[in-house]
C-alpha cells in the first residue's frame, strides 16, 4: 500500500495509508503531519474511498498476483460529486499501473469517464419484467 497510495491520492496532505491494529481490531489509518490517524471519523468520503481502493488493490496483488483484476461494486456510495470525479480520474489514469482489468459495477453514470477499455451497460425493462441486454457503449478505440 505504501507504493500505491502516492499514485492514487491526488493531494499532498496525506502521506500514506496502512492497516493498523488497535485494541485487537484492524483499523484503516492515514498518515498526516501529526502521524497515523484513523480514516474513520477524520477523513472525508473521498479520502476514505481512495484509501479503501488502495487496500483493495493491495489485497488483489497479494492474494492473486497473476490475475491482476480488481472488482469494484458501487464504489461511489456516499461520495460527493468532486470525490466521484477524483475517483473516475484515479481509476482511468492510475489504477492501470497496478492491475490489468477493472470490473466496475455501478449505477452512477458519472463513472463512465473512468473507462479506459470497454464500457458495457446492462439494461432491462423492469416494468415488463424483461430480460437483461448487454449493450457495448465504447471500446478502447473510441475513448
C-alpha atoms as a PDB file:
ATOM      1  CA  UNK A   1       0.000   0.000   0.000  1.00  0.00           C
ATOM      2  CA  UNK A   2       2.976   2.262   0.552  1.00  0.00           C
ATOM      3  CA  UNK A   3       3.759   2.308  -3.185  1.00  0.00           C
ATOM      4  CA  UNK A   4       0.104   2.506  -4.226  1.00  0.00           C
ATOM      5  CA  UNK A   5      -1.022   5.479  -2.103  1.00  0.00           C
ATOM      6  CA  UNK A   6       1.048   8.257  -3.715  1.00  0.00           C
ATOM      7  CA  UNK A   7      -0.098   7.114  -7.147  1.00  0.00           C
ATOM      8  CA  UNK A   8      -3.783   7.156  -6.207  1.00  0.00           C
ATOM      9  CA  UNK A   9      -4.134  10.109  -3.853  1.00  0.00           C
ATOM     10  CA  UNK A  10      -4.048  13.396  -5.809  1.00  0.00           C
ATOM     11  CA  UNK A  11      -3.174  15.735  -2.905  1.00  0.00           C
ATOM     12  CA  UNK A  12      -0.165  16.170  -0.609  1.00  0.00           C
ATOM     13  CA  UNK A  13      -1.809  16.466   2.825  1.00  0.00           C
ATOM     14  CA  UNK A  14      -1.928  12.715   3.482  1.00  0.00           C
ATOM     15  CA  UNK A  15       1.315  10.804   3.041  1.00  0.00           C
ATOM     16  CA  UNK A  16       0.346   7.191   3.494  1.00  0.00           C
ATOM     17  CA  UNK A  17      -2.241   4.555   4.269  1.00  0.00           C
ATOM     18  CA  UNK A  18      -1.954   1.363   6.260  1.00  0.00           C
ATOM     19  CA  UNK A  19      -3.977  -1.278   8.001  1.00  0.00           C
ATOM     20  CA  UNK A  20      -3.125  -0.890  11.675  1.00  0.00           C
ATOM     21  CA  UNK A  21      -4.210  -2.712  14.807  1.00  0.00           C
ATOM     22  CA  UNK A  22      -5.890  -1.030  17.766  1.00  0.00           C
ATOM     23  CA  UNK A  23      -7.272  -2.949  20.729  1.00  0.00           C
ATOM     24  CA  UNK A  24      -7.094  -6.198  18.762  1.00  0.00           C
ATOM     25  CA  UNK A  25      -9.040  -4.874  15.737  1.00  0.00           C
ATOM     26  CA  UNK A  26      -7.816  -3.868  12.315  1.00  0.00           C
ATOM     27  CA  UNK A  27      -8.244  -0.186  11.512  1.00  0.00           C
ATOM     28  CA  UNK A  28      -7.601   1.717   8.311  1.00  0.00           C
ATOM     29  CA  UNK A  29      -5.215   4.575   9.079  1.00  0.00           C
ATOM     30  CA  UNK A  30      -3.936   7.580   7.158  1.00  0.00           C
ATOM     31  CA  UNK A  31      -0.686   9.425   7.790  1.00  0.00           C
ATOM     32  CA  UNK A  32      -0.764  13.212   8.053  1.00  0.00           C
ATOM     33  CA  UNK A  33       1.692  15.736   9.516  1.00  0.00           C
ATOM     34  CA  UNK A  34       0.783  14.599  13.061  1.00  0.00           C
ATOM     35  CA  UNK A  35       1.294  10.876  12.430  1.00  0.00           C
ATOM     36  CA  UNK A  36      -1.099   7.978  11.870  1.00  0.00           C
ATOM     37  CA  UNK A  37      -4.814   8.786  12.321  1.00  0.00           C
ATOM     38  CA  UNK A  38      -7.890   6.594  11.879  1.00  0.00           C
ATOM     39  CA  UNK A  39      -9.556   7.078   8.487  1.00  0.00           C
ATOM     40  CA  UNK A  40     -12.991   6.560  10.017  1.00  0.00           C
ATOM     41  CA  UNK A  41     -14.279   9.774  11.541  1.00  0.00           C
ATOM     42  CA  UNK A  42     -11.425  12.012  10.368  1.00  0.00           C
ATOM     43  CA  UNK A  43     -11.096  11.558   6.591  1.00  0.00           C
ATOM     44  CA  UNK A  44     -13.562  12.797   4.002  1.00  0.00           C
ATOM     45  CA  UNK A  45     -15.643  10.370   1.965  1.00  0.00           C
ATOM     46  CA  UNK A  46     -13.306  10.775  -0.999  1.00  0.00           C
ATOM     47  CA  UNK A  47     -10.206  10.185   1.132  1.00  0.00           C
ATOM     48  CA  UNK A  48     -11.735   7.059   2.665  1.00  0.00           C
ATOM     49  CA  UNK A  49     -12.751   5.872  -0.801  1.00  0.00           C
ATOM     50  CA  UNK A  50      -9.205   6.232  -2.158  1.00  0.00           C
ATOM     51  CA  UNK A  51      -7.787   4.597   0.999  1.00  0.00           C
ATOM     52  CA  UNK A  52     -10.149   1.637   0.591  1.00  0.00           C
ATOM     53  CA  UNK A  53      -9.237   1.436  -3.092  1.00  0.00           C
ATOM     54  CA  UNK A  54      -5.547   1.264  -2.158  1.00  0.00           C
ATOM     55  CA  UNK A  55      -6.367  -1.514   0.319  1.00  0.00           C
ATOM     56  CA  UNK A  56      -8.362  -3.450  -2.298  1.00  0.00           C
ATOM     57  CA  UNK A  57      -5.576  -3.157  -4.863  1.00  0.00           C
ATOM     58  CA  UNK A  58      -3.010  -4.297  -2.300  1.00  0.00           C
ATOM     59  CA  UNK A  59      -5.149  -7.312  -1.371  1.00  0.00           C
ATOM     60  CA  UNK A  60      -5.714  -8.146  -5.046  1.00  0.00           C
ATOM     61  CA  UNK A  61      -1.974  -8.020  -5.762  1.00  0.00           C
ATOM     62  CA  UNK A  62      -1.100 -10.147  -2.735  1.00  0.00           C
ATOM     63  CA  UNK A  63      -3.889 -12.726  -2.988  1.00  0.00           C
ATOM     64  CA  UNK A  64      -3.927 -13.177  -6.771  1.00  0.00           C
ATOM     65  CA  UNK A  65      -0.775 -11.576  -8.210  1.00  0.00           C
ATOM     66  CA  UNK A  66      -1.032 -13.302 -11.578  1.00  0.00           C
ATOM     67  CA  UNK A  67      -4.692 -12.406 -12.054  1.00  0.00           C
ATOM     68  CA  UNK A  68      -4.261  -8.596 -11.721  1.00  0.00           C
ATOM     69  CA  UNK A  69      -8.033  -7.989 -11.519  1.00  0.00           C
ATOM     70  CA  UNK A  70      -9.937  -5.536  -9.410  1.00  0.00           C
ATOM     71  CA  UNK A  71     -13.712  -5.737  -8.891  1.00  0.00           C
ATOM     72  CA  UNK A  72     -15.467  -2.658  -7.524  1.00  0.00           C
ATOM     73  CA  UNK A  73     -19.164  -2.802  -6.677  1.00  0.00           C
ATOM     74  CA  UNK A  74     -20.789   0.631  -6.241  1.00  0.00           C
ATOM     75  CA  UNK A  75     -17.586   2.452  -5.256  1.00  0.00           C
ATOM     76  CA  UNK A  76     -19.284   5.868  -5.313  1.00  0.00           C
ATOM     77  CA  UNK A  77     -21.667   5.138  -2.460  1.00  0.00           C
ATOM     78  CA  UNK A  78     -21.779   8.206  -0.158  1.00  0.00           C
ATOM     79  CA  UNK A  79     -19.335  10.245  -2.259  1.00  0.00           C
ATOM     80  CA  UNK A  80     -19.937  13.832  -3.339  1.00  0.00           C
ATOM     81  CA  UNK A  81     -19.563  14.873  -6.989  1.00  0.00           C
ATOM     82  CA  UNK A  82     -15.952  16.058  -6.544  1.00  0.00           C
ATOM     83  CA  UNK A  83     -14.956  12.732  -4.952  1.00  0.00           C
ATOM     84  CA  UNK A  84     -16.680  10.807  -7.766  1.00  0.00           C
ATOM     85  CA  UNK A  85     -14.751  12.864 -10.321  1.00  0.00           C
ATOM     86  CA  UNK A  86     -11.466  12.229  -8.482  1.00  0.00           C
ATOM     87  CA  UNK A  87     -12.238   8.509  -8.264  1.00  0.00           C
ATOM     88  CA  UNK A  88     -13.005   8.362 -12.003  1.00  0.00           C
ATOM     89  CA  UNK A  89      -9.687  10.067 -12.780  1.00  0.00           C
ATOM     90  CA  UNK A  90      -7.759   7.719 -10.494  1.00  0.00           C
ATOM     91  CA  UNK A  91      -9.418   4.620 -11.972  1.00  0.00           C
ATOM     92  CA  UNK A  92      -8.764   5.778 -15.530  1.00  0.00           C
ATOM     93  CA  UNK A  93      -5.264   7.218 -15.149  1.00  0.00           C
ATOM     94  CA  UNK A  94      -3.567   5.492 -12.201  1.00  0.00           C
ATOM     95  CA  UNK A  95      -5.009   2.079 -11.329  1.00  0.00           C
ATOM     96  CA  UNK A  96      -3.929   0.553 -14.640  1.00  0.00           C
ATOM     97  CA  UNK A  97      -0.356   0.774 -13.326  1.00  0.00           C
ATOM     98  CA  UNK A  98      -1.241  -1.927 -10.765  1.00  0.00           C
ATOM     99  CA  UNK A  99      -3.959  -4.079 -12.334  1.00  0.00           C
ATOM    100  CA  UNK A 100      -4.778  -5.116 -15.895  1.00  0.00           C
ATOM    101  CA  UNK A 101      -8.570  -5.309 -15.642  1.00  0.00           C
ATOM    102  CA  UNK A 102     -11.141  -3.450 -13.586  1.00  0.00           C
ATOM    103  CA  UNK A 103     -14.711  -4.655 -13.349  1.00  0.00           C
ATOM    104  CA  UNK A 104     -16.726  -1.683 -12.223  1.00  0.00           C
ATOM    105  CA  UNK A 105     -20.323  -2.240 -11.184  1.00  0.00           C
ATOM    106  CA  UNK A 106     -22.221   0.997 -10.674  1.00  0.00           C
ATOM    107  CA  UNK A 107     -25.470   2.864 -11.210  1.00  0.00           C
ATOM    108  CA  UNK A 108     -23.563   6.147 -11.327  1.00  0.00           C
ATOM    109  CA  UNK A 109     -23.305   7.428 -14.919  1.00  0.00           C
ATOM    110  CA  UNK A 110     -20.570   9.855 -13.815  1.00  0.00           C
ATOM    111  CA  UNK A 111     -18.151   6.928 -13.621  1.00  0.00           C
ATOM    112  CA  UNK A 112     -18.367   6.363 -17.375  1.00  0.00           C
ATOM    113  CA  UNK A 113     -15.400   8.745 -17.623  1.00  0.00           C
ATOM    114  CA  UNK A 114     -13.329   6.240 -15.596  1.00  0.00           C
ATOM    115  CA  UNK A 115     -13.225   3.822 -18.505  1.00  0.00           C
ATOM    116  CA  UNK A 116     -10.014   3.230 -20.389  1.00  0.00           C
ATOM    117  CA  UNK A 117     -11.100  -0.022 -22.022  1.00  0.00           C
ATOM    118  CA  UNK A 118     -14.510  -1.406 -22.852  1.00  0.00           C
ATOM    119  CA  UNK A 119     -17.716   0.026 -21.447  1.00  0.00           C
ATOM    120  CA  UNK A 120     -20.847  -2.106 -21.336  1.00  0.00           C
ATOM    121  CA  UNK A 121     -24.236  -1.249 -19.942  1.00  0.00           C
ATOM    122  CA  UNK A 122     -26.726  -3.842 -18.719  1.00  0.00           C
ATOM    123  CA  UNK A 123     -30.283  -2.744 -19.472  1.00  0.00           C
ATOM    124  CA  UNK A 124     -33.597  -4.282 -18.524  1.00  0.00           C
ATOM    125  CA  UNK A 125     -37.220  -3.170 -18.863  1.00  0.00           C
ATOM    126  CA  UNK A 126     -38.371  -3.738 -15.290  1.00  0.00           C
ATOM    127  CA  UNK A 127     -41.980  -2.744 -15.989  1.00  0.00           C
ATOM    128  CA  UNK A 128     -42.351  -5.600 -18.476  1.00  0.00           C
ATOM    129  CA  UNK A 129     -40.182  -7.943 -16.392  1.00  0.00           C
ATOM    130  CA  UNK A 130     -37.894  -8.093 -19.422  1.00  0.00           C
ATOM    131  CA  UNK A 131     -34.578  -9.832 -19.765  1.00  0.00           C
ATOM    132  CA  UNK A 132     -31.245  -8.066 -19.397  1.00  0.00           C
ATOM    133  CA  UNK A 133     -29.441  -6.889 -22.517  1.00  0.00           C
ATOM    134  CA  UNK A 134     -25.719  -6.191 -22.717  1.00  0.00           C
ATOM    135  CA  UNK A 135     -25.032  -3.069 -24.735  1.00  0.00           C
ATOM    136  CA  UNK A 136     -21.487  -2.076 -25.745  1.00  0.00           C
ATOM    137  CA  UNK A 137     -21.164   1.675 -25.172  1.00  0.00           C
ATOM    138  CA  UNK A 138     -17.491   2.165 -26.064  1.00  0.00           C
ATOM    139  CA  UNK A 139     -14.223   0.353 -26.682  1.00  0.00           C
ATOM    140  CA  UNK A 140     -10.616   1.482 -26.231  1.00  0.00           C
ATOM    141  CA  UNK A 141     -10.502   2.845 -29.755  1.00  0.00           C
ATOM    142  CA  UNK A 142     -13.469   5.141 -29.010  1.00  0.00           C
ATOM    143  CA  UNK A 143     -12.264   6.521 -25.703  1.00  0.00           C
END
